[in-house]
Amino acid sequence: MKLASTLVAAAAAAVPMFANALPPGQYDIAGIQQICLVGDGTWYGTTFPAWGGHYEMRYPKTFIYGNYAGGAGNDSMVFYGNHRGPWTEWRDDFSWEAVSVNLLITFVKPDCDPPPFATESDGNPLVQR
């Protein structure tokens, strides 16, 4: 009986760890850009062209990483259980580097907008919308 109650308590304690996970859908990042998290672990920008990559959830964090500008631009975002975290962006040649901290990612809707139709942008997603 003690083992069963211990297992029930452990299972109940584990439930909140998924409560703050970011499910697939469209998200707004601090009013700067919007992205779509796809159920297969990929993501794409809905407000910036040719921008996307992969994401992973490792409790209590969601790691989002990818590229833009034909792979010359790079992004790394980490959102914690409170849906806040840093966004780092850089170009391969280090002609552009930026870090924003404590940004809020908010759920917009479950069905994502398509990616914008465009060729590679010469801007940077962290500052251009």
C-alpha atoms as a PDB file:
ATOM      1  CA  MET A   1       0.000   0.000   0.000  1.00  0.00           C
ATOM      2  CA  LYS A   2       2.826   2.387   0.812  1.00  0.00           C
ATOM      3  CA  LEU A   3       4.377   1.760  -2.623  1.00  0.00           C
ATOM      4  CA  ALA A   4       1.067   2.506  -4.361  1.00  0.00           C
ATOM      5  CA  SER A   5       0.597   5.769  -2.463  1.00  0.00           C
ATOM      6  CA  THR A   6       4.191   6.738  -3.245  1.00  0.00           C
ATOM      7  CA  LEU A   7       3.624   6.085  -6.964  1.00  0.00           C
ATOM      8  CA  VAL A   8       0.386   8.110  -6.927  1.00  0.00           C
ATOM      9  CA  ALA A   9       2.146  10.994  -5.181  1.00  0.00           C
ATOM     10  CA  ALA A  10       5.018  10.853  -7.675  1.00  0.00           C
ATOM     11  CA  ALA A  11       2.613  10.849 -10.624  1.00  0.00           C
ATOM     12  CA  ALA A  12       0.669  13.788  -9.183  1.00  0.00           C
ATOM     13  CA  ALA A  13       3.895  15.706  -8.678  1.00  0.00           C
ATOM     14  CA  ALA A  14       4.919  15.063 -12.295  1.00  0.00           C
ATOM     15  CA  VAL A  15       1.737  16.523 -13.805  1.00  0.00           C
ATOM     16  CA  PRO A  16       2.678  20.190 -13.185  1.00  0.00           C
ATOM     17  CA  MET A  17       5.952  19.720 -15.025  1.00  0.00           C
ATOM     18  CA  PHE A  18       4.028  19.468 -18.295  1.00  0.00           C
ATOM     19  CA  ALA A  19       1.553  22.223 -17.419  1.00  0.00           C
ATOM     20  CA  ASN A  20       3.957  24.920 -18.650  1.00  0.00           C
ATOM     21  CA  ALA A  21       5.102  23.087 -21.778  1.00  0.00           C
ATOM     22  CA  LEU A  22       4.651  24.886 -25.088  1.00  0.00           C
ATOM     23  CA  PRO A  23       2.284  22.771 -27.217  1.00  0.00           C
ATOM     24  CA  PRO A  24       2.283  23.048 -31.011  1.00  0.00           C
ATOM     25  CA  GLY A  25       0.705  26.246 -32.312  1.00  0.00           C
ATOM     26  CA  GLN A  26       1.446  29.878 -33.089  1.00  0.00           C
ATOM     27  CA  TYR A  27       3.292  32.024 -30.539  1.00  0.00           C
ATOM     28  CA  ASP A  28       4.168  35.687 -30.181  1.00  0.00           C
ATOM     29  CA  ILE A  29       7.637  36.523 -28.872  1.00  0.00           C
ATOM     30  CA  ALA A  30       7.471  39.809 -26.957  1.00  0.00           C
ATOM     31  CA  GLY A  31       5.581  41.516 -29.784  1.00  0.00           C
ATOM     32  CA  ILE A  32       8.704  41.233 -31.969  1.00  0.00           C
ATOM     33  CA  GLN A  33       7.949  38.180 -34.129  1.00  0.00           C
ATOM     34  CA  GLN A  34       5.589  35.220 -34.284  1.00  0.00           C
ATOM     35  CA  ILE A  35       6.578  31.599 -34.814  1.00  0.00           C
ATOM     36  CA  CYS A  36       4.791  28.304 -35.341  1.00  0.00           C
ATOM     37  CA  LEU A  37       5.834  25.290 -33.274  1.00  0.00           C
ATOM     38  CA  VAL A  38       4.974  22.221 -35.370  1.00  0.00           C
ATOM     39  CA  GLY A  39       4.198  18.887 -33.696  1.00  0.00           C
ATOM     40  CA  ASP A  40       7.199  17.203 -35.324  1.00  0.00           C
ATOM     41  CA  GLY A  41       9.754  19.319 -33.420  1.00  0.00           C
ATOM     42  CA  THR A  42      10.277  21.912 -36.148  1.00  0.00           C
ATOM     43  CA  TRP A  43       9.277  25.574 -36.207  1.00  0.00           C
ATOM     44  CA  TYR A  44       9.010  28.392 -38.713  1.00  0.00           C
ATOM     45  CA  GLY A  45       8.481  32.132 -38.606  1.00  0.00           C
ATOM     46  CA  THR A  46       5.004  33.374 -39.488  1.00  0.00           C
ATOM     47  CA  THR A  47       6.084  37.045 -39.553  1.00  0.00           C
ATOM     48  CA  PHE A  48       9.636  36.825 -40.928  1.00  0.00           C
ATOM     49  CA  PRO A  49      10.542  35.060 -44.208  1.00  0.00           C
ATOM     50  CA  ALA A  50      12.736  31.984 -44.603  1.00  0.00           C
ATOM     51  CA  TRP A  51      13.259  31.581 -40.852  1.00  0.00           C
ATOM     52  CA  GLY A  52      12.956  28.347 -38.890  1.00  0.00           C
ATOM     53  CA  GLY A  53      14.587  25.376 -37.285  1.00  0.00           C
ATOM     54  CA  HIS A  54      13.969  22.878 -34.514  1.00  0.00           C
ATOM     55  CA  TYR A  55      12.804  22.928 -30.918  1.00  0.00           C
ATOM     56  CA  GLU A  56      13.027  20.597 -27.934  1.00  0.00           C
ATOM     57  CA  MET A  57      11.266  20.531 -24.610  1.00  0.00           C
ATOM     58  CA  ARG A  58      13.373  19.497 -21.660  1.00  0.00           C
ATOM     59  CA  TYR A  59      11.505  20.305 -18.492  1.00  0.00           C
ATOM     60  CA  PRO A  60      11.375  23.053 -17.412  1.00  0.00           C
ATOM     61  CA  LYS A  61      12.812  24.633 -20.588  1.00  0.00           C
ATOM     62  CA  THR A  62      11.900  24.825 -24.262  1.00  0.00           C
ATOM     63  CA  PHE A  63      14.919  25.250 -26.542  1.00  0.00           C
ATOM     64  CA  ILE A  64      14.231  26.868 -29.931  1.00  0.00           C
ATOM     65  CA  TYR A  65      17.071  27.150 -32.429  1.00  0.00           C
ATOM     66  CA  GLY A  66      17.369  27.804 -36.122  1.00  0.00           C
ATOM     67  CA  ASN A  67      18.548  29.949 -39.005  1.00  0.00           C
ATOM     68  CA  TYR A  68      17.600  32.724 -41.400  1.00  0.00           C
ATOM     69  CA  ALA A  69      19.321  34.529 -44.291  1.00  0.00           C
ATOM     70  CA  GLY A  70      20.192  31.282 -46.035  1.00  0.00           C
ATOM     71  CA  GLY A  71      21.817  29.914 -42.893  1.00  0.00           C
ATOM     72  CA  ALA A  72      24.108  32.914 -42.341  1.00  0.00           C
ATOM     73  CA  GLY A  73      21.895  34.156 -39.490  1.00  0.00           C
ATOM     74  CA  ASN A  74      21.339  32.090 -36.352  1.00  0.00           C
ATOM     75  CA  ASP A  75      18.850  32.133 -33.478  1.00  0.00           C
ATOM     76  CA  SER A  76      18.785  30.506 -30.083  1.00  0.00           C
ATOM     77  CA  MET A  77      15.895  30.949 -27.642  1.00  0.00           C
ATOM     78  CA  VAL A  78      15.330  29.290 -24.292  1.00  0.00           C
ATOM     79  CA  PHE A  79      11.975  29.669 -22.567  1.00  0.00           C
ATOM     80  CA  TYR A  80      11.553  28.536 -18.983  1.00  0.00           C
ATOM     81  CA  GLY A  81       8.421  27.276 -17.215  1.00  0.00           C
ATOM     82  CA  ASN A  82       7.220  30.867 -16.760  1.00  0.00           C
ATOM     83  CA  HIS A  83       7.381  31.291 -20.588  1.00  0.00           C
ATOM     84  CA  ARG A  84      10.146  33.879 -20.301  1.00  0.00           C
ATOM     85  CA  GLY A  85      13.701  33.648 -21.469  1.00  0.00           C
ATOM     86  CA  PRO A  86      16.574  34.947 -23.595  1.00  0.00           C
ATOM     87  CA  TRP A  87      16.778  35.224 -27.369  1.00  0.00           C
ATOM     88  CA  THR A  88      20.266  35.331 -28.861  1.00  0.00           C
ATOM     89  CA  GLU A  89      20.894  36.079 -32.510  1.00  0.00           C
ATOM     90  CA  TRP A  90      24.090  36.342 -34.567  1.00  0.00           C
ATOM     91  CA  ARG A  91      25.444  36.210 -38.095  1.00  0.00           C
ATOM     92  CA  ASP A  92      28.148  33.682 -38.982  1.00  0.00           C
ATOM     93  CA  ASP A  93      30.584  36.508 -39.710  1.00  0.00           C
ATOM     94  CA  PHE A  94      29.597  38.264 -36.432  1.00  0.00           C
ATOM     95  CA  SER A  95      28.523  41.383 -38.327  1.00  0.00           C
ATOM     96  CA  TRP A  96      25.341  41.193 -36.206  1.00  0.00           C
ATOM     97  CA  GLU A  97      24.954  40.016 -32.617  1.00  0.00           C
ATOM     98  CA  ALA A  98      22.073  40.675 -30.250  1.00  0.00           C
ATOM     99  CA  VAL A  99      20.781  39.313 -26.969  1.00  0.00           C
ATOM    100  CA  SER A 100      17.439  40.085 -25.382  1.00  0.00           C
ATOM    101  CA  VAL A 101      16.645  38.646 -21.983  1.00  0.00           C
ATOM    102  CA  ASN A 102      13.453  37.839 -20.119  1.00  0.00           C
ATOM    103  CA  LEU A 103      11.242  37.931 -23.227  1.00  0.00           C
ATOM    104  CA  LEU A 104       7.715  36.545 -22.915  1.00  0.00           C
ATOM    105  CA  ILE A 105       6.426  33.952 -25.364  1.00  0.00           C
ATOM    106  CA  THR A 106       2.622  33.799 -25.497  1.00  0.00           C
ATOM    107  CA  PHE A 107       0.289  31.360 -27.194  1.00  0.00           C
ATOM    108  CA  VAL A 108      -1.681  32.969 -30.051  1.00  0.00           C
ATOM    109  CA  LYS A 109      -3.675  30.112 -31.604  1.00  0.00           C
ATOM    110  CA  PRO A 110      -3.483  26.370 -32.294  1.00  0.00           C
ATOM    111  CA  ASP A 111      -3.593  26.638 -36.103  1.00  0.00           C
ATOM    112  CA  CYS A 112      -0.602  28.532 -37.455  1.00  0.00           C
ATOM    113  CA  ASP A 113      -0.486  31.048 -40.242  1.00  0.00           C
ATOM    114  CA  PRO A 114       1.633  29.916 -43.187  1.00  0.00           C
ATOM    115  CA  PRO A 115       5.177  31.222 -43.490  1.00  0.00           C
ATOM    116  CA  PRO A 116       5.417  34.531 -45.345  1.00  0.00           C
ATOM    117  CA  PHE A 117       6.057  34.180 -49.028  1.00  0.00           C
ATOM    118  CA  ALA A 118       9.393  35.766 -49.754  1.00  0.00           C
ATOM    119  CA  THR A 119      12.949  35.018 -50.607  1.00  0.00           C
ATOM    120  CA  GLU A 120      15.679  35.441 -48.044  1.00  0.00           C
ATOM    121  CA  SER A 121      15.443  38.622 -45.996  1.00  0.00           C
ATOM    122  CA  ASP A 122      18.500  40.748 -45.421  1.00  0.00           C
ATOM    123  CA  GLY A 123      17.185  41.857 -42.025  1.00  0.00           C
ATOM    124  CA  ASN A 124      17.365  40.249 -38.604  1.00  0.00           C
ATOM    125  CA  PRO A 125      14.277  38.698 -36.952  1.00  0.00           C
ATOM    126  CA  LEU A 126      15.111  40.050 -33.500  1.00  0.00           C
ATOM    127  CA  VAL A 127      14.621  43.650 -34.584  1.00  0.00           C
ATOM    128  CA  GLN A 128      12.658  43.592 -37.830  1.00  0.00           C
ATOM    129  CA  ARG A 129       8.966  42.916 -38.248  1.00  0.00           C
END
